[in-house]
Each structure stands twice: as structure tokens, then as C-alpha cells.
């Protein structure tokens, strides 16, 4: 779905954020928890989108924020670079390979014999 949109209004969960990055879609993050606020702040810090506080979210403000986001060429440039990096990382298959490789190199945990 994200490959077919111009912008993504998101709660800034990690899964949603990574999907948007992989698709190169600018984000308007409306975080509702401390965890998602951290992600939303990082989106802004990296120039990948903008945030809007839940208390400030009205139809007019949402419309204006998306329009501003879509007009920001620097966000598009930054997203393009990050999208390429995300794709080069290999996604879930590469993560599985890395975890499996680590498990093979690590000694097996010893079972405790204390009673």
C-alpha cells in the first residue's frame, strides 16, 4: 500500500516506520505513547518527516502539515537515501541470517546443576 501513496500519517510505531522508510514515503507522525514519541522525534531529527501533537490534530492542521511535508524537497532527498540503505540491509532474511550466525558462534548455555 505504501508504494502507492504520497505521504503516510502514522502513529510512529517501529514496524510502520520501517515500512515507510523501505517505501521512501514521507511521514507525518502523530505519536501517542513515549515509545512512539521517541521514534517520531527521530523521524524529524533525520529529516524523514514531521510530527504533529495529538492535541493539535484537527482536520485543518492535518491537511496543512501534509501539504507542507509534500512540498519539502529535502525530506524527499533524505528519504531516497535512507530507502536505499534500508533496502541494502536485506530486511528480515538478513536479520535471520545474522541471528543464526551469532547462535552458531556462541557456546551453548550450560544447564545449572545446582539444586
PDB file of N, CA and C in Angstrom:
ATOM      1  N   UNK A   1       0.819  -1.179   0.000  1.00  0.00           N
ATOM      2  CA  UNK A   1       0.000   0.000   0.000  1.00  0.00           C
ATOM      3  C   UNK A   1       0.875   1.259   0.000  1.00  0.00           C
ATOM      4  N   UNK A   2       1.926   1.274   0.821  1.00  0.00           N
ATOM      5  CA  UNK A   2       2.747   2.479   0.937  1.00  0.00           C
ATOM      6  C   UNK A   2       3.438   2.865  -0.368  1.00  0.00           C
ATOM      7  N   UNK A   3       3.647   1.910  -1.230  1.00  0.00           N
ATOM      8  CA  UNK A   3       4.276   2.221  -2.521  1.00  0.00           C
ATOM      9  C   UNK A   3       3.367   3.077  -3.408  1.00  0.00           C
ATOM     10  N   UNK A   4       2.100   3.210  -3.027  1.00  0.00           N
ATOM     11  CA  UNK A   4       1.134   3.917  -3.862  1.00  0.00           C
ATOM     12  C   UNK A   4       0.619   5.210  -3.234  1.00  0.00           C
ATOM     13  N   UNK A   5       1.270   5.688  -2.180  1.00  0.00           N
ATOM     14  CA  UNK A   5       0.807   6.913  -1.516  1.00  0.00           C
ATOM     15  C   UNK A   5       1.882   7.993  -1.587  1.00  0.00           C
ATOM     16  N   UNK A   6       1.464   9.230  -1.386  1.00  0.00           N
ATOM     17  CA  UNK A   6       2.402  10.354  -1.394  1.00  0.00           C
ATOM     18  C   UNK A   6       2.956  10.645  -0.008  1.00  0.00           C
ATOM     19  N   UNK A   7       2.169  10.354   1.028  1.00  0.00           N
ATOM     20  CA  UNK A   7       2.578  10.608   2.407  1.00  0.00           C
ATOM     21  C   UNK A   7       1.883   9.600   3.306  1.00  0.00           C
ATOM     22  N   UNK A   8       2.426   9.431   4.491  1.00  0.00           N
ATOM     23  CA  UNK A   8       1.908   8.454   5.443  1.00  0.00           C
ATOM     24  C   UNK A   8       1.686   9.141   6.782  1.00  0.00           C
ATOM     25  N   UNK A   9       0.448   9.169   7.241  1.00  0.00           N
ATOM     26  CA  UNK A   9       0.140   9.655   8.577  1.00  0.00           C
ATOM     27  C   UNK A   9       0.202   8.429   9.472  1.00  0.00           C
ATOM     28  N   UNK A  10       1.091   8.465  10.471  1.00  0.00           N
ATOM     29  CA  UNK A  10       1.394   7.280  11.257  1.00  0.00           C
ATOM     30  C   UNK A  10       1.477   7.587  12.740  1.00  0.00           C
ATOM     31  N   UNK A  11       1.289   6.551  13.553  1.00  0.00           N
ATOM     32  CA  UNK A  11       1.486   6.687  14.995  1.00  0.00           C
ATOM     33  C   UNK A  11       2.964   6.554  15.351  1.00  0.00           C
ATOM     34  N   UNK A  12       3.804   6.234  14.384  1.00  0.00           N
ATOM     35  CA  UNK A  12       5.263   6.123  14.527  1.00  0.00           C
ATOM     36  C   UNK A  12       5.705   4.876  15.274  1.00  0.00           C
ATOM     37  N   UNK A  13       4.965   3.796  15.102  1.00  0.00           N
ATOM     38  CA  UNK A  13       5.444   2.505  15.588  1.00  0.00           C
ATOM     39  C   UNK A  13       6.612   2.065  14.724  1.00  0.00           C
ATOM     40  N   UNK A  14       7.467   1.226  15.262  1.00  0.00           N
ATOM     41  CA  UNK A  14       8.671   0.835  14.508  1.00  0.00           C
ATOM     42  C   UNK A  14       8.338   0.087  13.227  1.00  0.00           C
ATOM     43  N   UNK A  15       7.356  -0.812  13.265  1.00  0.00           N
ATOM     44  CA  UNK A  15       7.022  -1.552  12.050  1.00  0.00           C
ATOM     45  C   UNK A  15       6.530  -0.604  10.962  1.00  0.00           C
ATOM     46  N   UNK A  16       5.611   0.272  11.303  1.00  0.00           N
ATOM     47  CA  UNK A  16       5.080   1.231  10.338  1.00  0.00           C
ATOM     48  C   UNK A  16       6.173   2.152   9.812  1.00  0.00           C
ATOM     49  N   UNK A  17       7.024   2.601  10.717  1.00  0.00           N
ATOM     50  CA  UNK A  17       8.110   3.498  10.330  1.00  0.00           C
ATOM     51  C   UNK A  17       9.075   2.812   9.363  1.00  0.00           C
ATOM     52  N   UNK A  18       9.463   1.579   9.672  1.00  0.00           N
ATOM     53  CA  UNK A  18      10.384   0.862   8.784  1.00  0.00           C
ATOM     54  C   UNK A  18       9.746   0.581   7.426  1.00  0.00           C
ATOM     55  N   UNK A  19       8.461   0.260   7.406  1.00  0.00           N
ATOM     56  CA  UNK A  19       7.769   0.047   6.125  1.00  0.00           C
ATOM     57  C   UNK A  19       7.774   1.326   5.293  1.00  0.00           C
ATOM     58  N   UNK A  20       7.530   2.459   5.949  1.00  0.00           N
ATOM     59  CA  UNK A  20       7.548   3.740   5.237  1.00  0.00           C
ATOM     60  C   UNK A  20       8.942   4.058   4.715  1.00  0.00           C
ATOM     61  N   UNK A  21       9.959   3.785   5.517  1.00  0.00           N
ATOM     62  CA  UNK A  21      11.333   4.029   5.079  1.00  0.00           C
ATOM     63  C   UNK A  21      11.679   3.147   3.884  1.00  0.00           C
ATOM     64  N   UNK A  22      11.285   1.889   3.934  1.00  0.00           N
ATOM     65  CA  UNK A  22      11.575   0.972   2.827  1.00  0.00           C
ATOM     66  C   UNK A  22      10.869   1.414   1.553  1.00  0.00           C
ATOM     67  N   UNK A  23       9.715   2.058   1.691  1.00  0.00           N
ATOM     68  CA  UNK A  23       8.969   2.541   0.525  1.00  0.00           C
ATOM     69  C   UNK A  23       9.373   3.957   0.127  1.00  0.00           C
ATOM     70  N   UNK A  24      10.147   4.643   0.973  1.00  0.00           N
ATOM     71  CA  UNK A  24      10.558   6.014   0.675  1.00  0.00           C
ATOM     72  C   UNK A  24       9.420   7.009   0.776  1.00  0.00           C
ATOM     73  N   UNK A  25       8.515   6.792   1.709  1.00  0.00           N
ATOM     74  CA  UNK A  25       7.328   7.640   1.860  1.00  0.00           C
ATOM     75  C   UNK A  25       7.509   8.584   3.047  1.00  0.00           C
ATOM     76  N   UNK A  26       7.312   9.888   2.841  1.00  0.00           N
ATOM     77  CA  UNK A  26       7.437  10.839   3.949  1.00  0.00           C
ATOM     78  C   UNK A  26       6.337  10.602   4.990  1.00  0.00           C
ATOM     79  N   UNK A  27       6.707  10.812   6.250  1.00  0.00           N
ATOM     80  CA  UNK A  27       5.792  10.517   7.350  1.00  0.00           C
ATOM     81  C   UNK A  27       5.393  11.762   8.115  1.00  0.00           C
ATOM     82  N   UNK A  28       4.127  11.794   8.479  1.00  0.00           N
ATOM     83  CA  UNK A  28       3.624  12.746   9.456  1.00  0.00           C
ATOM     84  C   UNK A  28       3.279  11.904  10.669  1.00  0.00           C
ATOM     85  N   UNK A  29       4.091  12.027  11.699  1.00  0.00           N
ATOM     86  CA  UNK A  29       3.956  11.187  12.884  1.00  0.00           C
ATOM     87  C   UNK A  29       3.106  11.875  13.940  1.00  0.00           C
ATOM     88  N   UNK A  30       2.094  11.162  14.390  1.00  0.00           N
ATOM     89  CA  UNK A  30       1.242  11.625  15.480  1.00  0.00           C
ATOM     90  C   UNK A  30       1.376  10.575  16.579  1.00  0.00           C
ATOM     91  N   UNK A  31       2.382  10.760  17.412  1.00  0.00           N
ATOM     92  CA  UNK A  31       2.721   9.782  18.444  1.00  0.00           C
ATOM     93  C   UNK A  31       1.762   9.880  19.622  1.00  0.00           C
ATOM     94  N   UNK A  32       1.461   8.724  20.202  1.00  0.00           N
ATOM     95  CA  UNK A  32       0.531   8.695  21.317  1.00  0.00           C
ATOM     96  C   UNK A  32       1.130   8.067  22.573  1.00  0.00           C
ATOM     97  N   UNK A  33       2.339   7.559  22.490  1.00  0.00           N
ATOM     98  CA  UNK A  33       2.999   6.954  23.646  1.00  0.00           C
ATOM     99  C   UNK A  33       4.443   7.445  23.697  1.00  0.00           C
ATOM    100  N   UNK A  34       5.089   7.315  24.843  1.00  0.00           N
ATOM    101  CA  UNK A  34       6.502   7.722  24.909  1.00  0.00           C
ATOM    102  C   UNK A  34       7.381   6.978  23.898  1.00  0.00           C
ATOM    103  N   UNK A  35       7.122   5.712  23.700  1.00  0.00           N
ATOM    104  CA  UNK A  35       7.912   4.926  22.740  1.00  0.00           C
ATOM    105  C   UNK A  35       7.764   5.480  21.330  1.00  0.00           C
ATOM    106  N   UNK A  36       6.534   5.731  20.918  1.00  0.00           N
ATOM    107  CA  UNK A  36       6.336   6.237  19.564  1.00  0.00           C
ATOM    108  C   UNK A  36       6.767   7.692  19.451  1.00  0.00           C
ATOM    109  N   UNK A  37       6.744   8.436  20.554  1.00  0.00           N
ATOM    110  CA  UNK A  37       7.246   9.821  20.512  1.00  0.00           C
ATOM    111  C   UNK A  37       8.739   9.827  20.240  1.00  0.00           C
ATOM    112  N   UNK A  38       9.453   8.864  20.814  1.00  0.00           N
ATOM    113  CA  UNK A  38      10.896   8.743  20.561  1.00  0.00           C
ATOM    114  C   UNK A  38      11.143   8.491  19.075  1.00  0.00           C
ATOM    115  N   UNK A  39      10.365   7.614  18.495  1.00  0.00           N
ATOM    116  CA  UNK A  39      10.504   7.331  17.063  1.00  0.00           C
ATOM    117  C   UNK A  39      10.134   8.560  16.235  1.00  0.00           C
ATOM    118  N   UNK A  40       9.052   9.234  16.603  1.00  0.00           N
ATOM    119  CA  UNK A  40       8.619  10.438  15.878  1.00  0.00           C
ATOM    120  C   UNK A  40       9.703  11.518  15.940  1.00  0.00           C
ATOM    121  N   UNK A  41      10.301  11.694  17.112  1.00  0.00           N
ATOM    122  CA  UNK A  41      11.371  12.683  17.249  1.00  0.00           C
ATOM    123  C   UNK A  41      12.553  12.338  16.340  1.00  0.00           C
ATOM    124  N   UNK A  42      12.859  11.064  16.237  1.00  0.00           N
ATOM    125  CA  UNK A  42      13.971  10.635  15.388  1.00  0.00           C
ATOM    126  C   UNK A  42      13.646  10.840  13.908  1.00  0.00           C
ATOM    127  N   UNK A  43      12.394  10.620  13.527  1.00  0.00           N
ATOM    128  CA  UNK A  43      11.964  10.877  12.148  1.00  0.00           C
ATOM    129  C   UNK A  43      12.249  12.331  11.780  1.00  0.00           C
ATOM    130  N   UNK A  44      11.913  13.236  12.679  1.00  0.00           N
ATOM    131  CA  UNK A  44      12.149  14.662  12.432  1.00  0.00           C
ATOM    132  C   UNK A  44      13.646  14.956  12.435  1.00  0.00           C
ATOM    133  N   UNK A  45      14.349  14.426  13.420  1.00  0.00           N
ATOM    134  CA  UNK A  45      15.791  14.665  13.543  1.00  0.00           C
ATOM    135  C   UNK A  45      16.542  14.241  12.280  1.00  0.00           C
ATOM    136  N   UNK A  46      16.117  13.146  11.667  1.00  0.00           N
ATOM    137  CA  UNK A  46      16.769  12.644  10.461  1.00  0.00           C
ATOM    138  C   UNK A  46      16.224  13.270   9.177  1.00  0.00           C
ATOM    139  N   UNK A  47      15.246  14.149   9.307  1.00  0.00           N
ATOM    140  CA  UNK A  47      14.697  14.824   8.137  1.00  0.00           C
ATOM    141  C   UNK A  47      13.836  13.936   7.265  1.00  0.00           C
ATOM    142  N   UNK A  48      13.158  12.960   7.870  1.00  0.00           N
ATOM    143  CA  UNK A  48      12.360  11.997   7.122  1.00  0.00           C
ATOM    144  C   UNK A  48      10.868  12.283   7.188  1.00  0.00           C
ATOM    145  N   UNK A  49      10.502  13.304   7.932  1.00  0.00           N
ATOM    146  CA  UNK A  49       9.094  13.644   8.067  1.00  0.00           C
ATOM    147  C   UNK A  49       8.908  14.708   9.127  1.00  0.00           C
ATOM    148  N   UNK A  50       7.690  14.807   9.593  1.00  0.00           N
ATOM    149  CA  UNK A  50       7.318  15.821  10.585  1.00  0.00           C
ATOM    150  C   UNK A  50       6.444  15.177  11.647  1.00  0.00           C
ATOM    151  N   UNK A  51       6.216  15.939  12.712  1.00  0.00           N
ATOM    152  CA  UNK A  51       5.320  15.463  13.761  1.00  0.00           C
ATOM    153  C   UNK A  51       4.194  16.465  13.975  1.00  0.00           C
ATOM    154  N   UNK A  52       3.148  15.959  14.550  1.00  0.00           N
ATOM    155  CA  UNK A  52       2.020  16.769  14.958  1.00  0.00           C
ATOM    156  C   UNK A  52       1.536  16.179  16.279  1.00  0.00           C
ATOM    157  N   UNK A  53       1.389  17.006  17.285  1.00  0.00           N
ATOM    158  CA  UNK A  53       0.931  16.535  18.590  1.00  0.00           C
ATOM    159  C   UNK A  53      -0.528  16.106  18.492  1.00  0.00           C
ATOM    160  N   UNK A  54      -0.898  15.014  19.142  1.00  0.00           N
ATOM    161  CA  UNK A  54      -2.296  14.570  19.094  1.00  0.00           C
ATOM    162  C   UNK A  54      -3.281  15.669  19.491  1.00  0.00           C
ATOM    163  N   UNK A  55      -2.935  16.456  20.489  1.00  0.00           N
ATOM    164  CA  UNK A  55      -3.829  17.519  20.949  1.00  0.00           C
ATOM    165  C   UNK A  55      -4.000  18.623  19.904  1.00  0.00           C
ATOM    166  N   UNK A  56      -3.048  18.738  18.989  1.00  0.00           N
ATOM    167  CA  UNK A  56      -3.092  19.771  17.954  1.00  0.00           C
ATOM    168  C   UNK A  56      -3.670  19.259  16.636  1.00  0.00           C
ATOM    169  N   UNK A  57      -4.092  18.014  16.606  1.00  0.00           N
ATOM    170  CA  UNK A  57      -4.532  17.404  15.358  1.00  0.00           C
ATOM    171  C   UNK A  57      -6.003  17.705  15.088  1.00  0.00           C
ATOM    172  N   UNK A  58      -6.188  18.621  14.172  1.00  0.00           N
ATOM    173  CA  UNK A  58      -7.517  18.933  13.643  1.00  0.00           C
ATOM    174  C   UNK A  58      -7.456  18.664  12.147  1.00  0.00           C
ATOM    175  N   UNK A  59      -8.585  18.637  11.503  1.00  0.00           N
ATOM    176  CA  UNK A  59      -8.592  18.395  10.056  1.00  0.00           C
ATOM    177  C   UNK A  59      -7.764  19.445   9.322  1.00  0.00           C
ATOM    178  N   UNK A  60      -7.915  20.711   9.708  1.00  0.00           N
ATOM    179  CA  UNK A  60      -7.173  21.782   9.040  1.00  0.00           C
ATOM    180  C   UNK A  60      -5.669  21.665   9.282  1.00  0.00           C
ATOM    181  N   UNK A  61      -5.284  21.405  10.518  1.00  0.00           N
ATOM    182  CA  UNK A  61      -3.848  21.282  10.825  1.00  0.00           C
ATOM    183  C   UNK A  61      -3.251  20.046  10.164  1.00  0.00           C
ATOM    184  N   UNK A  62      -3.995  18.973  10.132  1.00  0.00           N
ATOM    185  CA  UNK A  62      -3.530  17.760   9.470  1.00  0.00           C
ATOM    186  C   UNK A  62      -3.324  18.013   7.978  1.00  0.00           C
ATOM    187  N   UNK A  63      -4.280  18.647   7.357  1.00  0.00           N
ATOM    188  CA  UNK A  63      -4.188  18.971   5.931  1.00  0.00           C
ATOM    189  C   UNK A  63      -2.981  19.871   5.654  1.00  0.00           C
ATOM    190  N   UNK A  64      -2.790  20.885   6.485  1.00  0.00           N
ATOM    191  CA  UNK A  64      -1.668  21.821   6.302  1.00  0.00           C
ATOM    192  C   UNK A  64      -0.330  21.120   6.521  1.00  0.00           C
ATOM    193  N   UNK A  65      -0.255  20.270   7.518  1.00  0.00           N
ATOM    194  CA  UNK A  65       1.003  19.567   7.806  1.00  0.00           C
ATOM    195  C   UNK A  65       1.377  18.624   6.671  1.00  0.00           C
ATOM    196  N   UNK A  66       0.399  17.916   6.120  1.00  0.00           N
ATOM    197  CA  UNK A  66       0.683  17.019   4.996  1.00  0.00           C
ATOM    198  C   UNK A  66       1.110  17.832   3.774  1.00  0.00           C
ATOM    199  N   UNK A  67       0.441  18.934   3.507  1.00  0.00           N
ATOM    200  CA  UNK A  67       0.811  19.781   2.364  1.00  0.00           C
ATOM    201  C   UNK A  67       2.230  20.313   2.515  1.00  0.00           C
ATOM    202  N   UNK A  68       2.582  20.739   3.713  1.00  0.00           N
ATOM    203  CA  UNK A  68       3.937  21.232   3.974  1.00  0.00           C
ATOM    204  C   UNK A  68       4.961  20.118   3.790  1.00  0.00           C
ATOM    205  N   UNK A  69       4.632  18.944   4.284  1.00  0.00           N
ATOM    206  CA  UNK A  69       5.520  17.790   4.152  1.00  0.00           C
ATOM    207  C   UNK A  69       5.751  17.452   2.680  1.00  0.00           C
ATOM    208  N   UNK A  70       4.688  17.438   1.903  1.00  0.00           N
ATOM    209  CA  UNK A  70       4.802  17.102   0.479  1.00  0.00           C
ATOM    210  C   UNK A  70       5.586  18.147  -0.306  1.00  0.00           C
ATOM    211  N   UNK A  71       5.604  19.366   0.181  1.00  0.00           N
ATOM    212  CA  UNK A  71       6.336  20.429  -0.501  1.00  0.00           C
ATOM    213  C   UNK A  71       7.792  20.536  -0.099  1.00  0.00           C
ATOM    214  N   UNK A  72       8.249  19.688   0.800  1.00  0.00           N
ATOM    215  CA  UNK A  72       9.617  19.767   1.310  1.00  0.00           C
ATOM    216  C   UNK A  72      10.540  18.837   0.519  1.00  0.00           C
ATOM    217  N   UNK A  73      11.287  19.395  -0.400  1.00  0.00           N
ATOM    218  CA  UNK A  73      12.185  18.606  -1.250  1.00  0.00           C
ATOM    219  C   UNK A  73      13.304  17.947  -0.453  1.00  0.00           C
ATOM    220  N   UNK A  74      13.729  18.553   0.640  1.00  0.00           N
ATOM    221  CA  UNK A  74      14.812  17.966   1.432  1.00  0.00           C
ATOM    222  C   UNK A  74      14.368  16.653   2.077  1.00  0.00           C
ATOM    223  N   UNK A  75      13.102  16.556   2.449  1.00  0.00           N
ATOM    224  CA  UNK A  75      12.584  15.298   3.006  1.00  0.00           C
ATOM    225  C   UNK A  75      12.633  14.211   1.936  1.00  0.00           C
ATOM    226  N   UNK A  76      12.228  14.531   0.746  1.00  0.00           N
ATOM    227  CA  UNK A  76      12.261  13.555  -0.355  1.00  0.00           C
ATOM    228  C   UNK A  76      13.693  13.070  -0.630  1.00  0.00           C
ATOM    229  N   UNK A  77      14.637  14.001  -0.650  1.00  0.00           N
ATOM    230  CA  UNK A  77      16.038  13.620  -0.895  1.00  0.00           C
ATOM    231  C   UNK A  77      16.548  12.704   0.212  1.00  0.00           C
ATOM    232  N   UNK A  78      16.274  13.072   1.440  1.00  0.00           N
ATOM    233  CA  UNK A  78      16.745  12.285   2.579  1.00  0.00           C
ATOM    234  C   UNK A  78      16.095  10.898   2.581  1.00  0.00           C
ATOM    235  N   UNK A  79      14.804  10.849   2.294  1.00  0.00           N
ATOM    236  CA  UNK A  79      14.102   9.561   2.239  1.00  0.00           C
ATOM    237  C   UNK A  79      14.666   8.656   1.153  1.00  0.00           C
ATOM    238  N   UNK A  80      15.016   9.229   0.049  1.00  0.00           N
ATOM    239  CA  UNK A  80      15.582   8.432  -1.038  1.00  0.00           C
ATOM    240  C   UNK A  80      16.867   7.741  -0.587  1.00  0.00           C
ATOM    241  N   UNK A  81      17.720   8.479   0.095  1.00  0.00           N
ATOM    242  CA  UNK A  81      18.978   7.907   0.580  1.00  0.00           C
ATOM    243  C   UNK A  81      18.721   6.834   1.637  1.00  0.00           C
ATOM    244  N   UNK A  82      17.820   7.112   2.570  1.00  0.00           N
ATOM    245  CA  UNK A  82      17.530   6.143   3.633  1.00  0.00           C
ATOM    246  C   UNK A  82      16.840   4.911   3.056  1.00  0.00           C
ATOM    247  N   UNK A  83      15.928   5.097   2.113  1.00  0.00           N
ATOM    248  CA  UNK A  83      15.265   3.965   1.459  1.00  0.00           C
ATOM    249  C   UNK A  83      16.302   3.023   0.850  1.00  0.00           C
ATOM    250  N   UNK A  84      17.289   3.587   0.172  1.00  0.00           N
ATOM    251  CA  UNK A  84      18.331   2.762  -0.431  1.00  0.00           C
ATOM    252  C   UNK A  84      19.114   1.993   0.631  1.00  0.00           C
ATOM    253  N   UNK A  85      19.422   2.634   1.744  1.00  0.00           N
ATOM    254  CA  UNK A  85      20.146   1.961   2.830  1.00  0.00           C
ATOM    255  C   UNK A  85      19.313   0.845   3.453  1.00  0.00           C
ATOM    256  N   UNK A  86      18.036   1.103   3.657  1.00  0.00           N
ATOM    257  CA  UNK A  86      17.150   0.083   4.232  1.00  0.00           C
ATOM    258  C   UNK A  86      17.084  -1.123   3.300  1.00  0.00           C
ATOM    259  N   UNK A  87      16.949  -0.869   2.028  1.00  0.00           N
ATOM    260  CA  UNK A  87      16.875  -1.978   1.067  1.00  0.00           C
ATOM    261  C   UNK A  87      18.178  -2.765   1.007  1.00  0.00           C
ATOM    262  N   UNK A  88      19.318  -2.068   1.086  1.00  0.00           N
ATOM    263  CA  UNK A  88      20.621  -2.746   1.062  1.00  0.00           C
ATOM    264  C   UNK A  88      20.832  -3.610   2.292  1.00  0.00           C
ATOM    265  N   UNK A  89      20.187  -3.258   3.399  1.00  0.00           N
ATOM    266  CA  UNK A  89      20.366  -4.003   4.651  1.00  0.00           C
ATOM    267  C   UNK A  89      19.822  -5.426   4.552  1.00  0.00           C
ATOM    268  N   UNK A  90      18.888  -5.683   3.649  1.00  0.00           N
ATOM    269  CA  UNK A  90      18.439  -7.049   3.416  1.00  0.00           C
ATOM    270  C   UNK A  90      17.172  -7.472   4.132  1.00  0.00           C
ATOM    271  N   UNK A  91      16.630  -6.626   4.986  1.00  0.00           N
ATOM    272  CA  UNK A  91      15.356  -6.930   5.633  1.00  0.00           C
ATOM    273  C   UNK A  91      15.393  -8.135   6.553  1.00  0.00           C
ATOM    274  N   UNK A  92      14.224  -8.747   6.723  1.00  0.00           N
ATOM    275  CA  UNK A  92      14.066  -9.868   7.652  1.00  0.00           C
ATOM    276  C   UNK A  92      14.982 -11.049   7.310  1.00  0.00           C
ATOM    277  N   UNK A  93      15.144 -11.420   6.031  1.00  0.00           N
ATOM    278  CA  UNK A  93      16.048 -12.541   5.745  1.00  0.00           C
ATOM    279  C   UNK A  93      17.483 -12.291   6.224  1.00  0.00           C
ATOM    280  N   UNK A  94      17.974 -11.075   6.053  1.00  0.00           N
ATOM    281  CA  UNK A  94      19.327 -10.758   6.521  1.00  0.00           C
ATOM    282  C   UNK A  94      19.391 -10.773   8.042  1.00  0.00           C
ATOM    283  N   UNK A  95      18.327 -10.312   8.701  1.00  0.00           N
ATOM    284  CA  UNK A  95      18.289 -10.336  10.163  1.00  0.00           C
ATOM    285  C   UNK A  95      18.326 -11.771  10.673  1.00  0.00           C
ATOM    286  N   UNK A  96      17.559 -12.662  10.048  1.00  0.00           N
ATOM    287  CA  UNK A  96      17.557 -14.073  10.442  1.00  0.00           C
ATOM    288  C   UNK A  96      18.941 -14.674  10.252  1.00  0.00           C
ATOM    289  N   UNK A  97      19.573 -14.394   9.130  1.00  0.00           N
ATOM    290  CA  UNK A  97      20.924 -14.910   8.880  1.00  0.00           C
ATOM    291  C   UNK A  97      21.901 -14.426   9.951  1.00  0.00           C
ATOM    292  N   UNK A  98      21.804 -13.157  10.325  1.00  0.00           N
ATOM    293  CA  UNK A  98      22.707 -12.601  11.340  1.00  0.00           C
ATOM    294  C   UNK A  98      22.483 -13.255  12.694  1.00  0.00           C
ATOM    295  N   UNK A  99      21.236 -13.460  13.073  1.00  0.00           N
ATOM    296  CA  UNK A  99      20.937 -14.104  14.360  1.00  0.00           C
ATOM    297  C   UNK A  99      21.425 -15.548  14.338  1.00  0.00           C
ATOM    298  N   UNK A 100      21.142 -16.264  13.262  1.00  0.00           N
ATOM    299  CA  UNK A 100      21.587 -17.654  13.173  1.00  0.00           C
ATOM    300  C   UNK A 100      23.106 -17.765  13.201  1.00  0.00           C
ATOM    301  N   UNK A 101      23.785 -16.866  12.514  1.00  0.00           N
ATOM    302  CA  UNK A 101      25.249 -16.883  12.520  1.00  0.00           C
ATOM    303  C   UNK A 101      25.774 -16.631  13.928  1.00  0.00           C
ATOM    304  N   UNK A 102      25.162 -15.739  14.631  1.00  0.00           N
ATOM    305  CA  UNK A 102      25.573 -15.448  16.015  1.00  0.00           C
ATOM    306  C   UNK A 102      25.343 -16.660  16.904  1.00  0.00           C
ATOM    307  N   UNK A 103      24.221 -17.336  16.736  1.00  0.00           N
ATOM    308  CA  UNK A 103      23.928 -18.512  17.552  1.00  0.00           C
ATOM    309  C   UNK A 103      24.920 -19.638  17.296  1.00  0.00           C
ATOM    310  N   UNK A 104      25.331 -19.799  16.064  1.00  0.00           N
ATOM    311  CA  UNK A 104      26.302 -20.834  15.718  1.00  0.00           C
ATOM    312  C   UNK A 104      27.649 -20.546  16.366  1.00  0.00           C
ATOM    313  N   UNK A 105      28.039 -19.270  16.427  1.00  0.00           N
ATOM    314  CA  UNK A 105      29.333 -18.889  17.004  1.00  0.00           C
ATOM    315  C   UNK A 105      29.333 -18.905  18.524  1.00  0.00           C
ATOM    316  N   UNK A 106      28.160 -18.790  19.137  1.00  0.00           N
ATOM    317  CA  UNK A 106      28.077 -18.694  20.594  1.00  0.00           C
ATOM    318  C   UNK A 106      28.072 -20.080  21.213  1.00  0.00           C
ATOM    319  N   UNK A 107      28.775 -20.227  22.341  1.00  0.00           N
ATOM    320  CA  UNK A 107      28.709 -21.524  23.030  1.00  0.00           C
ATOM    321  C   UNK A 107      27.316 -21.729  23.597  1.00  0.00           C
ATOM    322  N   UNK A 108      26.921 -22.984  23.690  1.00  0.00           N
ATOM    323  CA  UNK A 108      25.617 -23.309  24.238  1.00  0.00           C
ATOM    324  C   UNK A 108      25.565 -22.941  25.700  1.00  0.00           C
ATOM    325  N   UNK A 109      24.432 -22.441  26.168  1.00  0.00           N
ATOM    326  CA  UNK A 109      24.314 -22.145  27.597  1.00  0.00           C
ATOM    327  C   UNK A 109      24.346 -23.447  28.387  1.00  0.00           C
ATOM    328  N   UNK A 110      25.015 -23.414  29.512  1.00  0.00           N
ATOM    329  CA  UNK A 110      25.133 -24.606  30.338  1.00  0.00           C
ATOM    330  C   UNK A 110      23.934 -24.709  31.270  1.00  0.00           C
ATOM    331  N   UNK A 111      23.507 -25.906  31.429  1.00  0.00           N
ATOM    332  CA  UNK A 111      22.400 -26.154  32.345  1.00  0.00           C
ATOM    333  C   UNK A 111      22.948 -26.147  33.761  1.00  0.00           C
ATOM    334  N   UNK A 112      22.288 -25.450  34.616  1.00  0.00           N
ATOM    335  CA  UNK A 112      22.719 -25.373  36.010  1.00  0.00           C
ATOM    336  C   UNK A 112      22.508 -26.725  36.680  1.00  0.00           C
ATOM    337  N   UNK A 113      23.510 -27.151  37.443  1.00  0.00           N
ATOM    338  CA  UNK A 113      23.390 -28.418  38.174  1.00  0.00           C
ATOM    339  C   UNK A 113      23.134 -28.184  39.647  1.00  0.00           C
ATOM    340  N   UNK A 114      23.033 -26.929  40.039  1.00  0.00           N
ATOM    341  CA  UNK A 114      22.746 -26.627  41.446  1.00  0.00           C
ATOM    342  C   UNK A 114      21.307 -26.990  41.754  1.00  0.00           C
ATOM    343  N   UNK A 115      21.126 -27.489  42.962  1.00  0.00           N
ATOM    344  CA  UNK A 115      19.760 -27.829  43.409  1.00  0.00           C
ATOM    345  C   UNK A 115      19.452 -27.123  44.670  1.00  0.00           C
TER     346      UNK A 115
END
